[in-house]
Amino acid sequence: MRFSITRLCGGMALMVSSKDNLDIDLAHASKVFSGEGEITQIDDAMMVMKWNKMEVTIYPQGKVMFHPLTDKETALKYTSELLNKLILKSD
């Protein structure tokens, strides 16, 4: 997958966006990640969870925001890890 990265929240957060529109089913995502972190919000627009000592927000378009996180390589690694779990679990 190819991604772009944006710094947010005064540089304390990173948003990694898939260059492809992934159309993620957030209800499915909440089931996949329910054992990995506390899901704190889920609606049609986003799913927010506590994961790996961060707040992680997943959007249906394939965007993933990490707060706090400032390292781009780590953000790319985590995004690939999370999205691969969703893709593999949905097959």
C-alpha atoms as a PDB file:
ATOM      1  CA  MET A   1       0.000   0.000   0.000  1.00  0.00           C
ATOM      2  CA  ARG A   2       1.054   3.571  -0.590  1.00  0.00           C
ATOM      3  CA  PHE A   3       0.491   6.271   2.024  1.00  0.00           C
ATOM      4  CA  SER A   4       0.851   9.964   2.677  1.00  0.00           C
ATOM      5  CA  ILE A   5       1.559  11.395   6.143  1.00  0.00           C
ATOM      6  CA  THR A   6       0.284  14.621   7.702  1.00  0.00           C
ATOM      7  CA  ARG A   7       1.364  16.147  11.031  1.00  0.00           C
ATOM      8  CA  LEU A   8      -1.527  17.337  13.219  1.00  0.00           C
ATOM      9  CA  CYS A   9      -2.122  18.794  16.685  1.00  0.00           C
ATOM     10  CA  GLY A  10       1.001  20.944  16.793  1.00  0.00           C
ATOM     11  CA  GLY A  11       3.130  18.031  15.623  1.00  0.00           C
ATOM     12  CA  MET A  12       1.993  15.657  18.392  1.00  0.00           C
ATOM     13  CA  ALA A  13      -0.126  13.494  16.082  1.00  0.00           C
ATOM     14  CA  LEU A  14       0.336  11.886  12.692  1.00  0.00           C
ATOM     15  CA  MET A  15      -2.344  10.970  10.175  1.00  0.00           C
ATOM     16  CA  VAL A  16      -1.445   8.315   7.646  1.00  0.00           C
ATOM     17  CA  SER A  17      -3.701   8.269   4.598  1.00  0.00           C
ATOM     18  CA  SER A  18      -3.947   5.446   2.113  1.00  0.00           C
ATOM     19  CA  LYS A  19      -3.574   6.684  -1.446  1.00  0.00           C
ATOM     20  CA  ASP A  20      -6.377   4.234  -2.298  1.00  0.00           C
ATOM     21  CA  ASN A  21      -9.911   4.594  -0.948  1.00  0.00           C
ATOM     22  CA  LEU A  22     -10.261   1.463   1.184  1.00  0.00           C
ATOM     23  CA  ASP A  23     -13.926   1.753   2.274  1.00  0.00           C
ATOM     24  CA  ILE A  24     -13.325   0.257   5.733  1.00  0.00           C
ATOM     25  CA  ASP A  25     -16.324  -1.183   7.572  1.00  0.00           C
ATOM     26  CA  LEU A  26     -15.896   0.383  11.021  1.00  0.00           C
ATOM     27  CA  ALA A  27     -18.293  -2.026  12.729  1.00  0.00           C
ATOM     28  CA  HIS A  28     -16.139  -4.876  11.445  1.00  0.00           C
ATOM     29  CA  ALA A  29     -12.991  -3.002  12.521  1.00  0.00           C
ATOM     30  CA  SER A  30     -14.328  -2.655  16.066  1.00  0.00           C
ATOM     31  CA  LYS A  31     -14.811  -6.437  16.241  1.00  0.00           C
ATOM     32  CA  VAL A  32     -11.321  -7.109  14.885  1.00  0.00           C
ATOM     33  CA  PHE A  33      -9.666  -4.763  17.384  1.00  0.00           C
ATOM     34  CA  SER A  34     -11.922  -5.321  20.401  1.00  0.00           C
ATOM     35  CA  GLY A  35      -9.368  -7.655  21.998  1.00  0.00           C
ATOM     36  CA  GLU A  36      -6.407  -5.357  21.306  1.00  0.00           C
ATOM     37  CA  GLY A  37      -7.565  -2.102  22.806  1.00  0.00           C
ATOM     38  CA  GLU A  38     -10.475  -0.259  24.335  1.00  0.00           C
ATOM     39  CA  ILE A  39     -12.880   1.057  21.684  1.00  0.00           C
ATOM     40  CA  THR A  40     -13.909   4.493  22.978  1.00  0.00           C
ATOM     41  CA  GLN A  41     -16.028   5.716  20.043  1.00  0.00           C
ATOM     42  CA  ILE A  42     -17.572   4.251  16.939  1.00  0.00           C
ATOM     43  CA  ASP A  43     -19.943   5.808  14.434  1.00  0.00           C
ATOM     44  CA  ASP A  44     -20.249   6.142  10.659  1.00  0.00           C
ATOM     45  CA  ALA A  45     -17.358   8.618  10.484  1.00  0.00           C
ATOM     46  CA  MET A  46     -14.664   7.059  12.704  1.00  0.00           C
ATOM     47  CA  MET A  47     -13.599   4.453  15.210  1.00  0.00           C
ATOM     48  CA  VAL A  48     -11.424   5.587  18.136  1.00  0.00           C
ATOM     49  CA  MET A  49      -9.520   3.169  20.333  1.00  0.00           C
ATOM     50  CA  LYS A  50      -6.801   3.123  22.951  1.00  0.00           C
ATOM     51  CA  TRP A  51      -4.010   1.042  21.443  1.00  0.00           C
ATOM     52  CA  ASN A  52      -0.311   0.735  22.208  1.00  0.00           C
ATOM     53  CA  LYS A  53      -0.443   3.669  24.690  1.00  0.00           C
ATOM     54  CA  MET A  54      -1.991   5.963  22.049  1.00  0.00           C
ATOM     55  CA  GLU A  55      -5.347   7.123  20.857  1.00  0.00           C
ATOM     56  CA  VAL A  56      -5.847   5.685  17.376  1.00  0.00           C
ATOM     57  CA  THR A  57      -8.600   6.899  15.065  1.00  0.00           C
ATOM     58  CA  ILE A  58      -9.506   4.873  11.982  1.00  0.00           C
ATOM     59  CA  TYR A  59     -11.588   6.441   9.216  1.00  0.00           C
ATOM     60  CA  PRO A  60     -13.558   4.568   6.532  1.00  0.00           C
ATOM     61  CA  GLN A  61     -11.404   6.000   3.714  1.00  0.00           C
ATOM     62  CA  GLY A  62      -8.293   4.265   5.059  1.00  0.00           C
ATOM     63  CA  LYS A  63      -6.909   7.111   7.142  1.00  0.00           C
ATOM     64  CA  VAL A  64      -5.389   6.335  10.536  1.00  0.00           C
ATOM     65  CA  MET A  65      -4.477   8.989  13.100  1.00  0.00           C
ATOM     66  CA  PHE A  66      -2.106   8.333  16.017  1.00  0.00           C
ATOM     67  CA  HIS A  67      -1.882  10.594  19.067  1.00  0.00           C
ATOM     68  CA  PRO A  68       0.637  11.089  20.516  1.00  0.00           C
ATOM     69  CA  LEU A  69       3.123   9.968  17.893  1.00  0.00           C
ATOM     70  CA  THR A  70       5.785  11.970  16.069  1.00  0.00           C
ATOM     71  CA  ASP A  71       7.861   9.314  14.281  1.00  0.00           C
ATOM     72  CA  LYS A  72       6.777   8.868  10.653  1.00  0.00           C
ATOM     73  CA  GLU A  73       8.348   5.433  10.204  1.00  0.00           C
ATOM     74  CA  THR A  74       6.544   4.113  13.268  1.00  0.00           C
ATOM     75  CA  ALA A  75       3.264   5.592  12.009  1.00  0.00           C
ATOM     76  CA  LEU A  76       3.705   3.823   8.658  1.00  0.00           C
ATOM     77  CA  LYS A  77       4.547   0.537  10.404  1.00  0.00           C
ATOM     78  CA  TYR A  78       1.525   0.748  12.706  1.00  0.00           C
ATOM     79  CA  THR A  79      -0.815   1.733   9.878  1.00  0.00           C
ATOM     80  CA  SER A  80       0.289  -1.217   7.773  1.00  0.00           C
ATOM     81  CA  GLU A  81      -0.118  -3.529  10.756  1.00  0.00           C
ATOM     82  CA  LEU A  82      -3.635  -2.299  11.551  1.00  0.00           C
ATOM     83  CA  LEU A  83      -4.921  -2.161   7.977  1.00  0.00           C
ATOM     84  CA  ASN A  84      -3.475  -5.575   7.141  1.00  0.00           C
ATOM     85  CA  LYS A  85      -5.417  -7.060  10.050  1.00  0.00           C
ATOM     86  CA  LEU A  86      -8.600  -5.548   8.643  1.00  0.00           C
ATOM     87  CA  ILE A  87      -7.921  -6.735   5.118  1.00  0.00           C
ATOM     88  CA  LEU A  88      -6.915 -10.247   6.212  1.00  0.00           C
ATOM     89  CA  LYS A  89      -9.861 -10.593   8.612  1.00  0.00           C
ATOM     90  CA  SER A  90     -12.390  -9.511   5.975  1.00  0.00           C
ATOM     91  CA  ASP A  91     -11.385 -12.174   3.416  1.00  0.00           C
END
